[in-house]
């Protein structure tokens, strides 16, 4: 924890050395989003029967 007397706040770090790089999270989110879009658009819908509902449900 670092306290600076000239300001009204204190800062603390949870790591030593260089700050960690979290850019890989953006790549994972992008890949998951693309896969979800591809799966959602590639699903085939069952063919519709003429007249809407099947005869046994009328």
PDB file of N, CA and C in Angstrom:
ATOM      1  N   UNK A   1       0.862  -1.171   0.000  1.00  0.00           N
ATOM      2  CA  UNK A   1       0.000   0.000   0.000  1.00  0.00           C
ATOM      3  C   UNK A   1       0.899   1.221   0.000  1.00  0.00           C
ATOM      4  N   UNK A   2       0.516   2.192  -0.805  1.00  0.00           N
ATOM      5  CA  UNK A   2       1.293   3.408  -0.915  1.00  0.00           C
ATOM      6  C   UNK A   2       0.396   4.587  -0.538  1.00  0.00           C
ATOM      7  N   UNK A   3       0.846   5.397   0.408  1.00  0.00           N
ATOM      8  CA  UNK A   3       0.080   6.564   0.826  1.00  0.00           C
ATOM      9  C   UNK A   3       0.881   7.797   0.450  1.00  0.00           C
ATOM     10  N   UNK A   4       0.221   8.669  -0.320  1.00  0.00           N
ATOM     11  CA  UNK A   4       0.861   9.910  -0.741  1.00  0.00           C
ATOM     12  C   UNK A   4       0.292  11.034   0.114  1.00  0.00           C
ATOM     13  N   UNK A   5       1.136  11.748   0.808  1.00  0.00           N
ATOM     14  CA  UNK A   5       0.677  12.795   1.720  1.00  0.00           C
ATOM     15  C   UNK A   5       0.087  13.996   1.018  1.00  0.00           C
ATOM     16  N   UNK A   6       0.390  14.194  -0.275  1.00  0.00           N
ATOM     17  CA  UNK A   6      -0.104  15.374  -0.975  1.00  0.00           C
ATOM     18  C   UNK A   6      -1.509  15.185  -1.533  1.00  0.00           C
ATOM     19  N   UNK A   7      -2.035  13.980  -1.502  1.00  0.00           N
ATOM     20  CA  UNK A   7      -3.378  13.727  -2.015  1.00  0.00           C
ATOM     21  C   UNK A   7      -4.239  13.107  -0.922  1.00  0.00           C
ATOM     22  N   UNK A   8      -5.511  12.954  -1.225  1.00  0.00           N
ATOM     23  CA  UNK A   8      -6.451  12.423  -0.242  1.00  0.00           C
ATOM     24  C   UNK A   8      -6.780  10.946  -0.486  1.00  0.00           C
ATOM     25  N   UNK A   9      -5.947  10.216  -1.189  1.00  0.00           N
ATOM     26  CA  UNK A   9      -6.254   8.819  -1.456  1.00  0.00           C
ATOM     27  C   UNK A   9      -4.995   7.960  -1.327  1.00  0.00           C
ATOM     28  N   UNK A  10      -5.217   6.682  -1.181  1.00  0.00           N
ATOM     29  CA  UNK A  10      -4.131   5.708  -1.099  1.00  0.00           C
ATOM     30  C   UNK A  10      -4.308   4.699  -2.223  1.00  0.00           C
ATOM     31  N   UNK A  11      -3.209   4.180  -2.738  1.00  0.00           N
ATOM     32  CA  UNK A  11      -3.261   3.166  -3.779  1.00  0.00           C
ATOM     33  C   UNK A  11      -2.642   1.881  -3.264  1.00  0.00           C
ATOM     34  N   UNK A  12      -3.147   0.768  -3.760  1.00  0.00           N
ATOM     35  CA  UNK A  12      -2.561  -0.519  -3.406  1.00  0.00           C
ATOM     36  C   UNK A  12      -2.492  -1.382  -4.656  1.00  0.00           C
ATOM     37  N   UNK A  13      -1.472  -2.217  -4.733  1.00  0.00           N
ATOM     38  CA  UNK A  13      -1.303  -3.119  -5.861  1.00  0.00           C
ATOM     39  C   UNK A  13      -1.310  -4.544  -5.341  1.00  0.00           C
ATOM     40  N   UNK A  14      -1.831  -5.463  -6.169  1.00  0.00           N
ATOM     41  CA  UNK A  14      -1.932  -6.857  -5.776  1.00  0.00           C
ATOM     42  C   UNK A  14      -0.908  -7.712  -6.505  1.00  0.00           C
ATOM     43  N   UNK A  15       0.129  -7.110  -7.035  1.00  0.00           N
ATOM     44  CA  UNK A  15       1.160  -7.830  -7.764  1.00  0.00           C
ATOM     45  C   UNK A  15       2.478  -7.111  -7.550  1.00  0.00           C
ATOM     46  N   UNK A  16       3.549  -7.819  -7.819  1.00  0.00           N
ATOM     47  CA  UNK A  16       4.882  -7.232  -7.742  1.00  0.00           C
ATOM     48  C   UNK A  16       5.459  -7.191  -9.140  1.00  0.00           C
ATOM     49  N   UNK A  17       6.149  -6.135  -9.461  1.00  0.00           N
ATOM     50  CA  UNK A  17       6.768  -6.017 -10.780  1.00  0.00           C
ATOM     51  C   UNK A  17       5.823  -5.380 -11.780  1.00  0.00           C
ATOM     52  N   UNK A  18       5.844  -5.918 -13.000  1.00  0.00           N
ATOM     53  CA  UNK A  18       5.027  -5.373 -14.081  1.00  0.00           C
ATOM     54  C   UNK A  18       3.562  -5.742 -13.898  1.00  0.00           C
ATOM     55  N   UNK A  19       2.652  -4.836 -14.250  1.00  0.00           N
ATOM     56  CA  UNK A  19       1.229  -5.182 -14.168  1.00  0.00           C
ATOM     57  C   UNK A  19       0.909  -6.339 -15.115  1.00  0.00           C
ATOM     58  N   UNK A  20      -0.011  -7.207 -14.740  1.00  0.00           N
ATOM     59  CA  UNK A  20      -0.357  -8.339 -15.612  1.00  0.00           C
ATOM     60  C   UNK A  20      -1.077  -7.884 -16.870  1.00  0.00           C
ATOM     61  N   UNK A  21      -0.954  -8.679 -17.920  1.00  0.00           N
ATOM     62  CA  UNK A  21      -1.584  -8.370 -19.203  1.00  0.00           C
ATOM     63  C   UNK A  21      -2.827  -9.229 -19.346  1.00  0.00           C
ATOM     64  N   UNK A  22      -3.974  -8.589 -19.422  1.00  0.00           N
ATOM     65  CA  UNK A  22      -5.250  -9.303 -19.530  1.00  0.00           C
ATOM     66  C   UNK A  22      -5.856  -9.200 -20.918  1.00  0.00           C
ATOM     67  N   UNK A  23      -5.055  -8.924 -21.938  1.00  0.00           N
ATOM     68  CA  UNK A  23      -5.584  -8.810 -23.303  1.00  0.00           C
ATOM     69  C   UNK A  23      -6.155 -10.129 -23.807  1.00  0.00           C
ATOM     70  N   UNK A  24      -5.684 -11.263 -23.292  1.00  0.00           N
ATOM     71  CA  UNK A  24      -6.162 -12.557 -23.769  1.00  0.00           C
ATOM     72  C   UNK A  24      -7.644 -12.749 -23.479  1.00  0.00           C
ATOM     73  N   UNK A  25      -8.178 -12.041 -22.474  1.00  0.00           N
ATOM     74  CA  UNK A  25      -9.598 -12.165 -22.156  1.00  0.00           C
ATOM     75  C   UNK A  25     -10.454 -11.658 -23.317  1.00  0.00           C
ATOM     76  N   UNK A  26     -10.005 -10.572 -23.956  1.00  0.00           N
ATOM     77  CA  UNK A  26     -10.758 -10.035 -25.094  1.00  0.00           C
ATOM     78  C   UNK A  26     -10.793 -11.034 -26.246  1.00  0.00           C
ATOM     79  N   UNK A  27      -9.692 -11.748 -26.472  1.00  0.00           N
ATOM     80  CA  UNK A  27      -9.660 -12.746 -27.542  1.00  0.00           C
ATOM     81  C   UNK A  27     -10.597 -13.904 -27.229  1.00  0.00           C
ATOM     82  N   UNK A  28     -10.636 -14.339 -25.990  1.00  0.00           N
ATOM     83  CA  UNK A  28     -11.517 -15.439 -25.604  1.00  0.00           C
ATOM     84  C   UNK A  28     -12.976 -15.026 -25.775  1.00  0.00           C
ATOM     85  N   UNK A  29     -13.320 -13.812 -25.345  1.00  0.00           N
ATOM     86  CA  UNK A  29     -14.694 -13.320 -25.493  1.00  0.00           C
ATOM     87  C   UNK A  29     -15.070 -13.215 -26.968  1.00  0.00           C
ATOM     88  N   UNK A  30     -14.142 -12.750 -27.811  1.00  0.00           N
ATOM     89  CA  UNK A  30     -14.425 -12.630 -29.240  1.00  0.00           C
ATOM     90  C   UNK A  30     -14.651 -13.995 -29.871  1.00  0.00           C
ATOM     91  N   UNK A  31     -13.839 -14.983 -29.518  1.00  0.00           N
ATOM     92  CA  UNK A  31     -13.997 -16.317 -30.089  1.00  0.00           C
ATOM     93  C   UNK A  31     -15.322 -16.933 -29.644  1.00  0.00           C
ATOM     94  N   UNK A  32     -15.677 -16.786 -28.386  1.00  0.00           N
ATOM     95  CA  UNK A  32     -16.941 -17.330 -27.887  1.00  0.00           C
ATOM     96  C   UNK A  32     -18.119 -16.661 -28.594  1.00  0.00           C
ATOM     97  N   UNK A  33     -18.045 -15.356 -28.791  1.00  0.00           N
ATOM     98  CA  UNK A  33     -19.136 -14.648 -29.472  1.00  0.00           C
ATOM     99  C   UNK A  33     -19.281 -15.130 -30.916  1.00  0.00           C
ATOM    100  N   UNK A  34     -18.170 -15.311 -31.618  1.00  0.00           N
ATOM    101  CA  UNK A  34     -18.231 -15.774 -33.006  1.00  0.00           C
ATOM    102  C   UNK A  34     -18.817 -17.183 -33.067  1.00  0.00           C
ATOM    103  N   UNK A  35     -18.389 -18.062 -32.161  1.00  0.00           N
ATOM    104  CA  UNK A  35     -18.921 -19.423 -32.150  1.00  0.00           C
ATOM    105  C   UNK A  35     -20.421 -19.417 -31.870  1.00  0.00           C
ATOM    106  N   UNK A  36     -20.862 -18.583 -30.937  1.00  0.00           N
ATOM    107  CA  UNK A  36     -22.294 -18.514 -30.631  1.00  0.00           C
ATOM    108  C   UNK A  36     -23.092 -18.013 -31.824  1.00  0.00           C
ATOM    109  N   UNK A  37     -22.573 -17.029 -32.543  1.00  0.00           N
ATOM    110  CA  UNK A  37     -23.266 -16.503 -33.720  1.00  0.00           C
ATOM    111  C   UNK A  37     -23.345 -17.561 -34.813  1.00  0.00           C
ATOM    112  N   UNK A  38     -22.236 -18.281 -35.032  1.00  0.00           N
ATOM    113  CA  UNK A  38     -22.228 -19.320 -36.067  1.00  0.00           C
ATOM    114  C   UNK A  38     -23.215 -20.426 -35.719  1.00  0.00           C
ATOM    115  N   UNK A  39     -23.244 -20.854 -34.469  1.00  0.00           N
ATOM    116  CA  UNK A  39     -24.171 -21.911 -34.063  1.00  0.00           C
ATOM    117  C   UNK A  39     -25.613 -21.434 -34.191  1.00  0.00           C
ATOM    118  N   UNK A  40     -25.887 -20.200 -33.791  1.00  0.00           N
ATOM    119  CA  UNK A  40     -27.257 -19.684 -33.854  1.00  0.00           C
ATOM    120  C   UNK A  40     -27.746 -19.549 -35.294  1.00  0.00           C
ATOM    121  N   UNK A  41     -26.873 -19.179 -36.203  1.00  0.00           N
ATOM    122  CA  UNK A  41     -27.302 -18.993 -37.592  1.00  0.00           C
ATOM    123  C   UNK A  41     -27.299 -20.285 -38.381  1.00  0.00           C
ATOM    124  N   UNK A  42     -26.589 -21.302 -37.909  1.00  0.00           N
ATOM    125  CA  UNK A  42     -26.516 -22.536 -38.682  1.00  0.00           C
ATOM    126  C   UNK A  42     -27.560 -23.562 -38.265  1.00  0.00           C
ATOM    127  N   UNK A  43     -28.316 -23.290 -37.222  1.00  0.00           N
ATOM    128  CA  UNK A  43     -29.360 -24.237 -36.796  1.00  0.00           C
ATOM    129  C   UNK A  43     -30.449 -24.289 -37.851  1.00  0.00           C
ATOM    130  N   UNK A  44     -30.819 -25.497 -38.232  1.00  0.00           N
ATOM    131  CA  UNK A  44     -31.886 -25.642 -39.215  1.00  0.00           C
ATOM    132  C   UNK A  44     -33.208 -25.757 -38.493  1.00  0.00           C
ATOM    133  N   UNK A  45     -34.177 -25.077 -39.006  1.00  0.00           N
ATOM    134  CA  UNK A  45     -35.520 -25.152 -38.439  1.00  0.00           C
ATOM    135  C   UNK A  45     -36.247 -26.320 -39.082  1.00  0.00           C
ATOM    136  N   UNK A  46     -37.117 -26.975 -38.326  1.00  0.00           N
ATOM    137  CA  UNK A  46     -37.885 -28.075 -38.936  1.00  0.00           C
ATOM    138  C   UNK A  46     -38.815 -27.514 -40.008  1.00  0.00           C
ATOM    139  N   UNK A  47     -39.054 -28.286 -41.047  1.00  0.00           N
ATOM    140  CA  UNK A  47     -39.922 -27.772 -42.121  1.00  0.00           C
ATOM    141  C   UNK A  47     -41.340 -27.549 -41.628  1.00  0.00           C
ATOM    142  N   UNK A  48     -41.925 -26.472 -42.087  1.00  0.00           N
ATOM    143  CA  UNK A  48     -43.302 -26.148 -41.712  1.00  0.00           C
ATOM    144  C   UNK A  48     -44.269 -26.952 -42.574  1.00  0.00           C
ATOM    145  N   UNK A  49     -45.298 -27.455 -41.943  1.00  0.00           N
ATOM    146  CA  UNK A  49     -46.311 -28.167 -42.708  1.00  0.00           C
ATOM    147  C   UNK A  49     -47.246 -27.146 -43.344  1.00  0.00           C
ATOM    148  N   UNK A  50     -47.766 -27.446 -44.523  1.00  0.00           N
ATOM    149  CA  UNK A  50     -48.702 -26.493 -45.126  1.00  0.00           C
ATOM    150  C   UNK A  50     -49.950 -26.368 -44.245  1.00  0.00           C
ATOM    151  N   UNK A  51     -50.326 -25.178 -43.984  1.00  0.00           N
ATOM    152  CA  UNK A  51     -51.495 -24.959 -43.139  1.00  0.00           C
ATOM    153  C   UNK A  51     -51.109 -24.688 -41.694  1.00  0.00           C
ATOM    154  N   UNK A  52     -49.835 -24.727 -41.364  1.00  0.00           N
ATOM    155  CA  UNK A  52     -49.412 -24.391 -40.010  1.00  0.00           C
ATOM    156  C   UNK A  52     -49.267 -25.582 -39.096  1.00  0.00           C
ATOM    157  N   UNK A  53     -50.370 -25.992 -38.449  1.00  0.00           N
ATOM    158  CA  UNK A  53     -50.314 -27.061 -37.457  1.00  0.00           C
ATOM    159  C   UNK A  53     -50.532 -28.420 -38.118  1.00  0.00           C
ATOM    160  N   UNK A  54     -49.928 -29.464 -37.549  1.00  0.00           N
ATOM    161  CA  UNK A  54     -50.188 -30.796 -38.085  1.00  0.00           C
ATOM    162  C   UNK A  54     -51.655 -31.211 -37.884  1.00  0.00           C
ATOM    163  N   UNK A  55     -52.112 -32.150 -38.686  1.00  0.00           N
ATOM    164  CA  UNK A  55     -53.518 -32.575 -38.624  1.00  0.00           C
ATOM    165  C   UNK A  55     -53.874 -33.140 -37.268  1.00  0.00           C
ATOM    166  N   UNK A  56     -52.971 -33.884 -36.643  1.00  0.00           N
ATOM    167  CA  UNK A  56     -53.304 -34.516 -35.373  1.00  0.00           C
ATOM    168  C   UNK A  56     -53.430 -33.500 -34.237  1.00  0.00           C
ATOM    169  N   UNK A  57     -52.987 -32.265 -34.445  1.00  0.00           N
ATOM    170  CA  UNK A  57     -53.148 -31.223 -33.409  1.00  0.00           C
ATOM    171  C   UNK A  57     -54.360 -30.342 -33.682  1.00  0.00           C
ATOM    172  N   UNK A  58     -55.030 -30.500 -34.814  1.00  0.00           N
ATOM    173  CA  UNK A  58     -56.168 -29.631 -35.141  1.00  0.00           C
ATOM    174  C   UNK A  58     -57.412 -30.057 -34.425  1.00  0.00           C
TER     175      UNK A  58
END
